[in-house]
N, C-alpha and C. Protein backbone atom coordinates (compact mmCIF):
# COMPACT_ATOMS: atom_id res chain seq x y z
N MET A 1 0.86 -1.08 -0.02
CA MET A 1 0.04 -0.02 -0.05
C MET A 1 0.79 1.35 0.01
N ILE A 2 1.85 1.39 0.75
CA ILE A 2 2.84 2.37 0.90
C ILE A 2 3.50 2.77 -0.52
N ALA A 3 3.91 1.62 -1.06
CA ALA A 3 4.61 1.75 -2.28
C ALA A 3 3.72 2.10 -3.46
N LYS A 4 2.36 1.75 -3.41
CA LYS A 4 1.49 2.08 -4.37
C LYS A 4 1.24 3.54 -4.19
N GLN A 5 1.13 4.11 -2.86
CA GLN A 5 0.83 5.43 -2.82
C GLN A 5 2.14 6.23 -3.16
N TYR A 6 3.29 5.84 -3.00
CA TYR A 6 4.55 6.48 -3.47
C TYR A 6 4.67 6.62 -5.13
N LYS A 7 4.04 5.75 -5.75
CA LYS A 7 3.96 5.38 -7.17
C LYS A 7 2.83 6.54 -7.70
N GLU A 8 1.91 6.91 -6.86
CA GLU A 8 0.95 7.97 -7.19
C GLU A 8 1.48 9.16 -7.27
N LYS A 9 2.55 9.33 -6.39
CA LYS A 9 3.22 10.73 -6.19
C LYS A 9 4.28 10.84 -7.38
N PHE A 10 4.73 9.84 -7.77
CA PHE A 10 5.71 9.95 -8.71
C PHE A 10 5.33 9.01 -9.97
N SER A 11 4.49 9.62 -10.95
CA SER A 11 3.71 8.80 -11.90
C SER A 11 4.64 8.30 -13.00
N ASN A 12 5.78 8.74 -13.10
CA ASN A 12 6.73 8.08 -14.02
C ASN A 12 7.14 6.58 -13.51
N LEU A 13 6.84 6.34 -12.31
CA LEU A 13 7.24 4.84 -12.05
C LEU A 13 6.20 3.70 -12.55
N LYS A 14 6.83 2.86 -13.28
CA LYS A 14 5.71 2.07 -14.18
C LYS A 14 6.05 0.64 -13.62
N ASN A 15 6.18 0.41 -12.42
CA ASN A 15 6.40 -0.94 -11.89
C ASN A 15 5.16 -1.66 -11.05
N THR A 16 5.31 -2.84 -10.72
CA THR A 16 4.13 -3.36 -10.06
C THR A 16 4.93 -4.09 -8.90
N PRO A 17 4.46 -3.64 -7.67
CA PRO A 17 5.00 -4.38 -6.42
C PRO A 17 4.49 -5.66 -6.43
N VAL A 18 5.61 -6.63 -6.09
CA VAL A 18 5.25 -8.22 -6.19
C VAL A 18 5.67 -8.79 -5.08
N ARG A 19 6.54 -8.33 -4.12
CA ARG A 19 6.73 -8.94 -2.89
C ARG A 19 7.49 -8.12 -1.87
N ALA A 20 7.38 -8.26 -0.52
CA ALA A 20 8.22 -7.55 0.37
C ALA A 20 8.77 -8.41 1.33
N GLU A 21 9.94 -7.92 2.06
CA GLU A 21 10.53 -8.72 3.21
C GLU A 21 11.06 -7.66 4.11
N LEU A 22 10.99 -7.95 5.29
CA LEU A 22 11.45 -7.20 6.47
C LEU A 22 13.19 -7.37 6.70
N ASN A 23 13.72 -6.32 6.67
CA ASN A 23 15.23 -6.37 6.75
C ASN A 23 15.55 -6.00 8.16
N LEU A 24 16.23 -6.52 9.17
CA LEU A 24 16.41 -6.02 10.48
C LEU A 24 17.46 -4.98 10.59
N SER A 25 18.38 -4.76 9.56
CA SER A 25 19.31 -3.73 9.62
C SER A 25 19.61 -3.13 8.27
N PHE A 26 19.10 -1.77 8.21
CA PHE A 26 19.19 -1.43 6.75
C PHE A 26 19.38 0.27 7.23
N ASP A 27 19.80 0.97 6.18
CA ASP A 27 20.19 2.23 6.26
C ASP A 27 19.01 3.15 6.16
N VAL A 28 18.27 3.05 7.37
CA VAL A 28 16.95 3.77 7.37
C VAL A 28 16.61 4.37 8.97
N GLU A 29 15.71 5.27 9.08
CA GLU A 29 15.45 5.64 10.55
C GLU A 29 14.92 4.43 11.25
N GLY A 30 15.37 4.06 12.38
CA GLY A 30 14.89 2.96 13.18
C GLY A 30 15.59 1.64 12.65
N ASP A 31 16.45 1.55 11.79
CA ASP A 31 17.13 0.52 11.29
C ASP A 31 16.46 -0.55 10.52
N LYS A 32 15.19 -0.95 11.01
CA LYS A 32 14.45 -2.08 10.31
C LYS A 32 13.64 -1.41 9.09
N ALA A 33 13.65 -2.08 8.10
CA ALA A 33 13.12 -1.69 6.85
C ALA A 33 12.48 -2.77 6.11
N TRP A 34 11.34 -2.39 5.51
CA TRP A 34 10.61 -3.22 4.43
C TRP A 34 11.35 -2.97 2.96
N ILE A 35 11.60 -3.88 2.34
CA ILE A 35 12.04 -3.90 1.14
C ILE A 35 10.98 -4.44 0.18
N VAL A 36 10.40 -3.55 -0.58
CA VAL A 36 9.21 -3.87 -1.62
C VAL A 36 9.95 -3.86 -2.85
N THR A 37 9.78 -5.18 -3.50
CA THR A 37 10.35 -5.24 -5.01
C THR A 37 9.06 -4.95 -5.86
N GLY A 38 9.57 -4.22 -7.03
CA GLY A 38 8.46 -3.92 -8.03
C GLY A 38 9.33 -4.53 -9.24
N GLU A 39 8.40 -4.99 -10.14
CA GLU A 39 8.82 -5.43 -11.48
C GLU A 39 8.31 -4.73 -12.60
N PHE A 40 8.92 -4.55 -13.76
CA PHE A 40 8.45 -4.06 -15.05
C PHE A 40 9.16 -4.71 -16.17
N GLU A 41 8.73 -4.54 -17.34
CA GLU A 41 9.12 -5.04 -18.29
C GLU A 41 9.84 -4.01 -19.32
N LEU A 42 11.07 -4.43 -19.69
CA LEU A 42 11.87 -3.43 -20.49
C LEU A 42 12.55 -4.05 -21.65
N PHE A 43 12.05 -3.93 -22.87
CA PHE A 43 12.57 -4.69 -23.99
C PHE A 43 12.33 -6.11 -23.77
N GLY A 44 11.21 -6.43 -23.24
CA GLY A 44 11.00 -7.96 -23.18
C GLY A 44 11.66 -8.68 -22.12
N GLU A 45 12.29 -7.87 -21.21
CA GLU A 45 12.90 -8.53 -20.01
C GLU A 45 12.43 -7.97 -18.78
N ILE A 46 12.26 -8.82 -17.95
CA ILE A 46 11.45 -8.26 -16.44
C ILE A 46 12.78 -7.83 -15.56
N ARG A 47 12.52 -6.33 -15.08
CA ARG A 47 13.47 -5.96 -14.34
C ARG A 47 12.89 -5.48 -13.27
N GLU A 48 13.81 -5.22 -12.11
CA GLU A 48 13.30 -5.02 -10.62
C GLU A 48 13.58 -3.53 -10.21
N PHE A 49 12.76 -3.07 -9.33
CA PHE A 49 12.83 -1.75 -8.78
C PHE A 49 12.48 -2.02 -7.32
N PHE A 50 13.28 -1.15 -6.47
CA PHE A 50 13.05 -1.54 -5.03
C PHE A 50 12.73 -0.17 -4.05
N TYR A 51 11.70 -0.48 -3.13
CA TYR A 51 11.20 0.48 -2.38
C TYR A 51 11.79 0.03 -0.85
N VAL A 52 12.44 1.23 -0.35
CA VAL A 52 12.99 0.93 1.08
C VAL A 52 12.04 1.76 1.98
N ILE A 53 11.41 1.14 2.79
CA ILE A 53 10.28 1.59 3.58
C ILE A 53 10.74 1.51 5.05
N SER A 54 10.78 2.50 5.81
CA SER A 54 11.11 2.60 7.26
C SER A 54 10.09 1.80 7.96
N ASP A 55 10.39 0.82 8.87
CA ASP A 55 9.40 0.07 9.79
C ASP A 55 9.06 1.16 10.69
N GLN A 56 9.78 1.93 11.15
CA GLN A 56 9.50 2.96 12.30
C GLN A 56 8.60 3.99 11.93
N THR A 57 8.87 4.58 10.68
CA THR A 57 7.99 5.84 10.05
C THR A 57 6.81 5.35 9.28
N GLY A 58 6.90 4.19 8.42
CA GLY A 58 6.21 3.75 7.64
C GLY A 58 6.04 4.61 6.36
N GLU A 59 7.07 5.25 5.92
CA GLU A 59 7.33 5.98 4.75
C GLU A 59 8.58 5.49 3.76
N VAL A 60 8.43 5.98 2.70
CA VAL A 60 9.54 5.32 1.62
C VAL A 60 10.65 6.25 2.16
N ALA A 61 11.76 5.52 2.45
CA ALA A 61 13.21 6.34 2.76
C ALA A 61 13.83 6.79 1.52
N TYR A 62 13.83 5.83 0.60
CA TYR A 62 14.25 6.10 -0.86
C TYR A 62 13.85 4.67 -1.63
N THR A 63 14.42 4.89 -2.84
CA THR A 63 14.24 3.68 -3.89
C THR A 63 15.65 3.44 -4.34
N PHE A 64 15.65 2.32 -5.13
CA PHE A 64 16.84 2.06 -5.93
C PHE A 64 16.74 1.08 -6.86
N ASP A 65 17.27 1.19 -8.18
CA ASP A 65 16.97 0.31 -9.15
C ASP A 65 18.13 -0.82 -9.14
N GLU A 66 17.97 -1.71 -9.85
CA GLU A 66 18.87 -3.28 -10.01
C GLU A 66 20.21 -2.88 -10.04
N LEU A 67 20.50 -1.60 -10.54
CA LEU A 67 22.12 -1.39 -10.55
C LEU A 67 22.49 -0.51 -9.41
N GLY A 68 21.59 -0.28 -8.44
CA GLY A 68 21.81 0.33 -7.08
C GLY A 68 21.75 1.83 -7.05
N ASN A 69 21.35 2.24 -8.12
CA ASN A 69 21.17 3.94 -8.44
C ASN A 69 19.93 4.40 -7.48
N ARG A 70 20.30 5.33 -6.42
CA ARG A 70 19.33 5.78 -5.48
C ARG A 70 18.31 6.70 -6.21
N ASP A 71 16.96 6.60 -6.01
CA ASP A 71 16.00 7.50 -6.44
C ASP A 71 16.24 7.87 -8.11
N PRO A 72 16.38 6.84 -8.89
CA PRO A 72 16.56 7.00 -10.33
C PRO A 72 15.32 7.84 -10.86
N HIS A 73 14.25 7.82 -10.33
CA HIS A 73 13.04 8.37 -10.94
C HIS A 73 13.04 9.89 -10.60
N ILE A 74 13.76 10.58 -9.93
CA ILE A 74 13.72 11.81 -9.58
C ILE A 74 14.89 12.63 -10.27
N GLU A 75 14.43 13.59 -10.93
CA GLU A 75 15.32 14.43 -11.84
C GLU A 75 16.27 15.33 -10.90
N ARG A 76 17.60 15.35 -11.15
CA ARG A 76 18.56 16.12 -10.59
C ARG A 76 19.08 17.15 -11.52
N LEU A 77 19.21 18.37 -11.16
CA LEU A 77 19.86 19.48 -11.90
C LEU A 77 21.34 18.99 -12.14
N MET A 78 21.82 19.22 -13.20
CA MET A 78 23.36 19.04 -13.54
C MET A 78 23.98 20.27 -13.24
N PRO A 79 25.14 20.25 -12.45
CA PRO A 79 25.88 21.32 -11.95
C PRO A 79 26.31 22.21 -13.13
N LYS A 80 26.36 23.48 -13.13
CA LYS A 80 26.58 24.39 -14.20
C LYS A 80 28.09 24.68 -14.11
N GLU A 81 28.80 24.62 -15.43
CA GLU A 81 30.44 24.71 -15.24
C GLU A 81 30.85 26.15 -15.40
């Protein structure tokens, strides 16, 4: 449910949550985190996307893709030279 609400906030996320597991030591507030795995198809292959949800706050702390890029769906401004 939390991952679905997060997806509504960022409409460019095109994955479907398929499973969740509790991790007792993770980089979030309160240490415990739910890792929700979402899947999507890209060029005929199933790819994965992960939501890290703090067990303490019940909110998405951050997301990452299967390459380890944090919050890849959020645009970041490139520094000016």
